Amino acid sequence: MVNTIRKLTEAGLPVMGHLGLTPQHVHRLGGMRQQARNDEAAQELILDALALEDAGAFALVLEAIPDSVAKGK
């Protein structure tokens, strides 16, 4: 998605990212439960957030993740 977001933002379209619990993928994620609960998943989510920022997303929705992960710690 990063390449698509980059193309959209370069074309002047605003993009807001959405990480953590994404309802459209709830079955793939194992149900409606907190995401990024272990260190590996938390690090992956943080890297995804940084990639979205680099691609030009103006904001991120962080849903159902631990506070410490949202703070980037």
N, C-alpha and C. Protein backbone atom coordinates (compact mmCIF):
# COMPACT_ATOMS: atom_id res chain seq x y z
N MET A 1 0.81 -1.20 0.00
CA MET A 1 0.00 0.00 0.00
C MET A 1 0.85 1.27 0.00
N VAL A 2 2.09 1.18 0.46
CA VAL A 2 2.92 2.37 0.56
C VAL A 2 3.13 3.03 -0.80
N ASN A 3 3.37 2.23 -1.84
CA ASN A 3 3.57 2.81 -3.16
C ASN A 3 2.30 3.50 -3.66
N THR A 4 1.16 2.90 -3.40
CA THR A 4 -0.11 3.51 -3.79
C THR A 4 -0.32 4.82 -3.04
N ILE A 5 -0.05 4.82 -1.75
CA ILE A 5 -0.22 6.03 -0.94
C ILE A 5 0.73 7.12 -1.44
N ARG A 6 1.94 6.75 -1.75
CA ARG A 6 2.91 7.73 -2.26
C ARG A 6 2.41 8.36 -3.56
N LYS A 7 1.89 7.54 -4.46
CA LYS A 7 1.37 8.07 -5.73
C LYS A 7 0.17 8.99 -5.50
N LEU A 8 -0.69 8.61 -4.59
CA LEU A 8 -1.86 9.45 -4.30
C LEU A 8 -1.45 10.79 -3.70
N THR A 9 -0.53 10.76 -2.74
CA THR A 9 -0.12 12.02 -2.10
C THR A 9 0.69 12.89 -3.06
N GLU A 10 1.48 12.27 -3.92
CA GLU A 10 2.22 13.04 -4.92
C GLU A 10 1.28 13.71 -5.92
N ALA A 11 0.10 13.10 -6.12
CA ALA A 11 -0.90 13.69 -7.01
C ALA A 11 -1.75 14.74 -6.30
N GLY A 12 -1.45 14.97 -5.02
CA GLY A 12 -2.16 15.99 -4.26
C GLY A 12 -3.38 15.51 -3.51
N LEU A 13 -3.59 14.20 -3.44
CA LEU A 13 -4.73 13.66 -2.71
C LEU A 13 -4.33 13.36 -1.26
N PRO A 14 -5.07 13.85 -0.29
CA PRO A 14 -4.74 13.56 1.10
C PRO A 14 -5.07 12.11 1.46
N VAL A 15 -4.19 11.49 2.23
CA VAL A 15 -4.38 10.10 2.64
C VAL A 15 -4.20 9.99 4.14
N MET A 16 -5.17 9.34 4.79
CA MET A 16 -5.06 9.03 6.22
C MET A 16 -4.88 7.52 6.34
N GLY A 17 -3.82 7.10 7.03
CA GLY A 17 -3.56 5.68 7.22
C GLY A 17 -4.39 5.12 8.37
N HIS A 18 -4.52 3.80 8.42
CA HIS A 18 -5.27 3.11 9.47
C HIS A 18 -4.51 1.84 9.82
N LEU A 19 -4.00 1.78 11.05
CA LEU A 19 -3.22 0.63 11.51
C LEU A 19 -3.83 0.03 12.76
N GLY A 20 -3.49 -1.21 13.00
CA GLY A 20 -4.01 -1.93 14.16
C GLY A 20 -5.18 -2.80 13.73
N LEU A 21 -6.29 -2.67 14.40
CA LEU A 21 -7.48 -3.44 14.06
C LEU A 21 -8.18 -2.78 12.88
N THR A 22 -8.15 -3.42 11.75
CA THR A 22 -8.83 -2.91 10.56
C THR A 22 -10.03 -3.84 10.32
N PRO A 23 -11.23 -3.33 10.53
CA PRO A 23 -12.42 -4.18 10.47
C PRO A 23 -12.56 -4.99 9.18
N GLN A 24 -12.08 -4.46 8.07
CA GLN A 24 -12.19 -5.21 6.81
C GLN A 24 -11.33 -6.47 6.81
N HIS A 25 -10.38 -6.56 7.74
CA HIS A 25 -9.51 -7.74 7.83
C HIS A 25 -9.69 -8.50 9.15
N VAL A 26 -10.81 -8.32 9.80
CA VAL A 26 -11.00 -8.87 11.14
C VAL A 26 -10.83 -10.39 11.17
N HIS A 27 -11.28 -11.09 10.16
CA HIS A 27 -11.16 -12.55 10.16
C HIS A 27 -9.70 -12.97 9.96
N ARG A 28 -8.98 -12.25 9.14
CA ARG A 28 -7.57 -12.56 8.92
C ARG A 28 -6.74 -12.25 10.16
N LEU A 29 -7.17 -11.27 10.95
CA LEU A 29 -6.43 -10.85 12.14
C LEU A 29 -6.77 -11.67 13.38
N GLY A 30 -7.70 -12.60 13.27
CA GLY A 30 -8.04 -13.45 14.40
C GLY A 30 -9.17 -12.93 15.26
N GLY A 31 -10.00 -12.07 14.72
CA GLY A 31 -11.16 -11.57 15.45
C GLY A 31 -10.96 -10.14 15.93
N MET A 32 -11.97 -9.66 16.64
CA MET A 32 -11.97 -8.29 17.15
C MET A 32 -11.21 -8.25 18.46
N ARG A 33 -9.90 -8.19 18.36
CA ARG A 33 -9.08 -8.15 19.57
C ARG A 33 -7.89 -7.22 19.36
N GLN A 34 -7.26 -6.88 20.45
CA GLN A 34 -6.14 -5.95 20.40
C GLN A 34 -5.03 -6.49 19.50
N GLN A 35 -4.43 -5.60 18.73
CA GLN A 35 -3.35 -5.96 17.81
C GLN A 35 -2.01 -5.54 18.41
N ALA A 36 -0.93 -6.00 17.79
CA ALA A 36 0.44 -5.64 18.20
C ALA A 36 0.69 -5.93 19.67
N ARG A 37 0.31 -7.14 20.09
CA ARG A 37 0.42 -7.50 21.50
C ARG A 37 1.79 -8.04 21.89
N ASN A 38 2.58 -8.47 20.92
CA ASN A 38 3.94 -8.93 21.28
C ASN A 38 4.96 -7.99 20.65
N ASP A 39 6.20 -8.13 21.06
CA ASP A 39 7.25 -7.20 20.61
C ASP A 39 7.44 -7.19 19.09
N GLU A 40 7.38 -8.36 18.49
CA GLU A 40 7.58 -8.45 17.04
C GLU A 40 6.45 -7.74 16.28
N ALA A 41 5.22 -7.99 16.68
CA ALA A 41 4.08 -7.34 16.03
C ALA A 41 4.08 -5.84 16.28
N ALA A 42 4.49 -5.43 17.47
CA ALA A 42 4.56 -4.00 17.79
C ALA A 42 5.61 -3.31 16.92
N GLN A 43 6.76 -3.93 16.77
CA GLN A 43 7.82 -3.35 15.93
C GLN A 43 7.37 -3.24 14.47
N GLU A 44 6.67 -4.27 13.99
CA GLU A 44 6.16 -4.25 12.62
C GLU A 44 5.15 -3.10 12.44
N LEU A 45 4.27 -2.91 13.41
CA LEU A 45 3.30 -1.83 13.32
C LEU A 45 3.99 -0.47 13.32
N ILE A 46 4.99 -0.30 14.15
CA ILE A 46 5.74 0.97 14.19
C ILE A 46 6.43 1.23 12.85
N LEU A 47 7.03 0.20 12.28
CA LEU A 47 7.67 0.35 10.97
C LEU A 47 6.64 0.69 9.89
N ASP A 48 5.46 0.08 9.97
CA ASP A 48 4.39 0.40 9.02
C ASP A 48 3.97 1.86 9.17
N ALA A 49 3.87 2.34 10.40
CA ALA A 49 3.49 3.74 10.64
C ALA A 49 4.53 4.68 10.05
N LEU A 50 5.79 4.38 10.24
CA LEU A 50 6.85 5.22 9.69
C LEU A 50 6.83 5.21 8.17
N ALA A 51 6.54 4.05 7.57
CA ALA A 51 6.46 3.96 6.11
C ALA A 51 5.30 4.78 5.57
N LEU A 52 4.16 4.77 6.27
CA LEU A 52 3.02 5.58 5.85
C LEU A 52 3.34 7.07 5.97
N GLU A 53 4.02 7.44 7.03
CA GLU A 53 4.44 8.83 7.18
C GLU A 53 5.35 9.24 6.03
N ASP A 54 6.33 8.39 5.73
CA ASP A 54 7.27 8.68 4.66
C ASP A 54 6.57 8.78 3.29
N ALA A 55 5.49 8.00 3.12
CA ALA A 55 4.75 8.02 1.86
C ALA A 55 3.85 9.25 1.75
N GLY A 56 3.71 10.01 2.84
CA GLY A 56 2.95 11.25 2.77
C GLY A 56 1.61 11.25 3.46
N ALA A 57 1.27 10.18 4.18
CA ALA A 57 0.00 10.18 4.92
C ALA A 57 -0.01 11.36 5.89
N PHE A 58 -1.12 12.10 5.94
CA PHE A 58 -1.18 13.27 6.81
C PHE A 58 -1.53 12.93 8.24
N ALA A 59 -2.07 11.72 8.47
CA ALA A 59 -2.44 11.29 9.82
C ALA A 59 -2.60 9.77 9.81
N LEU A 60 -2.62 9.19 11.01
CA LEU A 60 -2.85 7.76 11.16
C LEU A 60 -3.94 7.52 12.19
N VAL A 61 -4.81 6.59 11.90
CA VAL A 61 -5.76 6.07 12.89
C VAL A 61 -5.11 4.83 13.47
N LEU A 62 -4.94 4.80 14.78
CA LEU A 62 -4.37 3.64 15.46
C LEU A 62 -5.48 3.01 16.28
N GLU A 63 -5.90 1.83 15.89
CA GLU A 63 -7.07 1.21 16.50
C GLU A 63 -6.72 -0.10 17.19
N ALA A 64 -7.13 -0.20 18.44
CA ALA A 64 -6.99 -1.43 19.22
C ALA A 64 -5.55 -1.90 19.32
N ILE A 65 -4.67 -0.98 19.72
CA ILE A 65 -3.28 -1.33 19.98
C ILE A 65 -2.90 -0.82 21.37
N PRO A 66 -1.90 -1.42 22.00
CA PRO A 66 -1.49 -0.96 23.33
C PRO A 66 -1.00 0.50 23.30
N ASP A 67 -1.24 1.23 24.36
CA ASP A 67 -0.81 2.62 24.46
C ASP A 67 0.69 2.77 24.21
N SER A 68 1.48 1.84 24.75
CA SER A 68 2.93 1.94 24.58
C SER A 68 3.34 1.83 23.12
N VAL A 69 2.63 1.05 22.34
CA VAL A 69 2.93 0.93 20.92
C VAL A 69 2.52 2.21 20.20
N ALA A 70 1.37 2.76 20.56
CA ALA A 70 0.92 4.02 19.95
C ALA A 70 1.91 5.15 20.21
N LYS A 71 2.58 5.10 21.36
CA LYS A 71 3.57 6.12 21.69
C LYS A 71 4.91 5.84 21.01
N GLY A 72 5.05 4.67 20.36
CA GLY A 72 6.29 4.33 19.67
C GLY A 72 7.37 3.80 20.58
N LYS A 73 6.98 3.25 21.71
CA LYS A 73 7.96 2.73 22.67
C LYS A 73 8.01 1.23 22.64
